[in-house]
C-alpha atoms as a PDB file:
ATOM      1  CA  MET A   1      18.493  -0.630 -21.360  1.00  0.00           C
ATOM      2  CA  SER A   2      21.016  -1.762 -18.750  1.00  0.00           C
ATOM      3  CA  THR A   3      21.084  -5.226 -17.237  1.00  0.00           C
ATOM      4  CA  LEU A   4      20.057  -5.584 -13.621  1.00  0.00           C
ATOM      5  CA  ASN A   5      22.303  -7.629 -11.347  1.00  0.00           C
ATOM      6  CA  TYR A   6      19.533  -8.632  -8.946  1.00  0.00           C
ATOM      7  CA  PRO A   7      16.171 -10.316  -9.436  1.00  0.00           C
ATOM      8  CA  LEU A   8      12.940  -8.366  -9.408  1.00  0.00           C
ATOM      9  CA  ASN A   9       9.949  -9.572  -7.455  1.00  0.00           C
ATOM     10  CA  ASN A  10       6.656 -10.318  -9.210  1.00  0.00           C
ATOM     11  CA  ALA A  11       5.157  -6.895  -8.461  1.00  0.00           C
ATOM     12  CA  GLN A  12       8.215  -5.101  -9.814  1.00  0.00           C
ATOM     13  CA  VAL A  13       8.130  -7.130 -13.025  1.00  0.00           C
ATOM     14  CA  GLU A  14       4.451  -6.361 -13.603  1.00  0.00           C
ATOM     15  CA  LEU A  15       4.949  -2.651 -12.894  1.00  0.00           C
ATOM     16  CA  MET A  16       7.873  -2.570 -15.319  1.00  0.00           C
ATOM     17  CA  LYS A  17       5.628  -4.048 -18.031  1.00  0.00           C
ATOM     18  CA  ILE A  18       2.844  -1.548 -17.330  1.00  0.00           C
ATOM     19  CA  LEU A  19       5.157   1.445 -17.101  1.00  0.00           C
ATOM     20  CA  ASP A  20       7.185   0.788 -20.243  1.00  0.00           C
ATOM     21  CA  ARG A  21       6.973   4.478 -21.219  1.00  0.00           C
ATOM     22  CA  ASN A  22       7.870   7.864 -19.821  1.00  0.00           C
ATOM     23  CA  LEU A  23       5.337   9.447 -17.500  1.00  0.00           C
ATOM     24  CA  SER A  24       4.844  13.101 -16.715  1.00  0.00           C
ATOM     25  CA  GLU A  25       5.647  14.325 -13.229  1.00  0.00           C
ATOM     26  CA  ASN A  26       1.905  14.673 -12.588  1.00  0.00           C
ATOM     27  CA  ASP A  27       1.285  11.082 -13.682  1.00  0.00           C
ATOM     28  CA  ILE A  28       4.072   9.859 -11.407  1.00  0.00           C
ATOM     29  CA  LYS A  29       2.587  11.827  -8.512  1.00  0.00           C
ATOM     30  CA  ASP A  30      -0.870  10.378  -9.239  1.00  0.00           C
ATOM     31  CA  LEU A  31       0.547   6.846  -9.467  1.00  0.00           C
ATOM     32  CA  LYS A  32       2.332   7.222  -6.123  1.00  0.00           C
ATOM     33  CA  GLU A  33      -0.906   8.467  -4.561  1.00  0.00           C
ATOM     34  CA  LEU A  34      -2.844   5.554  -6.057  1.00  0.00           C
ATOM     35  CA  LEU A  35      -0.341   3.012  -4.719  1.00  0.00           C
ATOM     36  CA  SER A  36      -0.296   4.707  -1.313  1.00  0.00           C
ATOM     37  CA  ARG A  37      -4.080   4.546  -1.152  1.00  0.00           C
ATOM     38  CA  PHE A  38      -4.006   0.876  -2.204  1.00  0.00           C
ATOM     39  CA  PHE A  39      -1.627  -0.099   0.609  1.00  0.00           C
ATOM     40  CA  ALA A  40      -3.413   2.115   3.151  1.00  0.00           C
ATOM     41  CA  ASP A  41      -6.721   0.431   2.302  1.00  0.00           C
ATOM     42  CA  LYS A  42      -5.135  -3.003   2.755  1.00  0.00           C
ATOM     43  CA  ALA A  43      -3.749  -1.964   6.156  1.00  0.00           C
ATOM     44  CA  ILE A  44      -7.126  -0.583   7.239  1.00  0.00           C
ATOM     45  CA  LYS A  45      -8.900  -3.787   6.182  1.00  0.00           C
ATOM     46  CA  ALA A  46      -6.375  -5.885   8.118  1.00  0.00           C
ATOM     47  CA  ALA A  47      -6.809  -3.703  11.207  1.00  0.00           C
ATOM     48  CA  ASP A  48     -10.601  -3.857  10.878  1.00  0.00           C
ATOM     49  CA  LYS A  49     -10.435  -7.653  10.682  1.00  0.00           C
ATOM     50  CA  ILE A  50      -8.379  -7.835  13.889  1.00  0.00           C
ATOM     51  CA  TRP A  51     -10.733  -5.319  15.523  1.00  0.00           C
ATOM     52  CA  ASP A  52     -13.744  -7.499  14.652  1.00  0.00           C
ATOM     53  CA  GLU A  53     -12.049 -10.783  15.616  1.00  0.00           C
ATOM     54  CA  LYS A  54     -11.193  -9.380  19.044  1.00  0.00           C
ATOM     55  CA  GLY A  55     -14.630  -7.818  19.482  1.00  0.00           C
ATOM     56  CA  MET A  56     -13.137  -4.421  20.251  1.00  0.00           C
ATOM     57  CA  THR A  57     -15.270  -1.355  20.932  1.00  0.00           C
ATOM     58  CA  ASP A  58     -14.786   2.402  20.774  1.00  0.00           C
ATOM     59  CA  ASN A  59     -14.174   2.317  24.533  1.00  0.00           C
ATOM     60  CA  ASP A  60     -11.282  -0.110  23.962  1.00  0.00           C
ATOM     61  CA  MET A  61      -9.753   2.312  21.482  1.00  0.00           C
ATOM     62  CA  ASP A  62     -10.172   5.230  23.886  1.00  0.00           C
ATOM     63  CA  ARG A  63      -8.362   3.205  26.567  1.00  0.00           C
ATOM     64  CA  LEU A  64      -5.535   2.399  24.165  1.00  0.00           C
ATOM     65  CA  LEU A  65      -5.174   6.010  23.096  1.00  0.00           C
ATOM     66  CA  ASN A  66      -5.354   7.511  26.578  1.00  0.00           C
ATOM     67  CA  GLY A  67      -3.228   4.963  28.390  1.00  0.00           C
END
């Protein structure tokens, strides 16, 4: 294994520990999808929180979308 010349962040270190083996192309695809869903869910929850804090309605969204 080669030496890295830059530090890894905490998430990278943990993923390296978990993924200390070769994965099939299908497993890699599934893992990417899982991580994408994880970050999408976090973004949706953050947007929902802002939506609720500002008391926004469907009409507000329609105005934003239609200028």
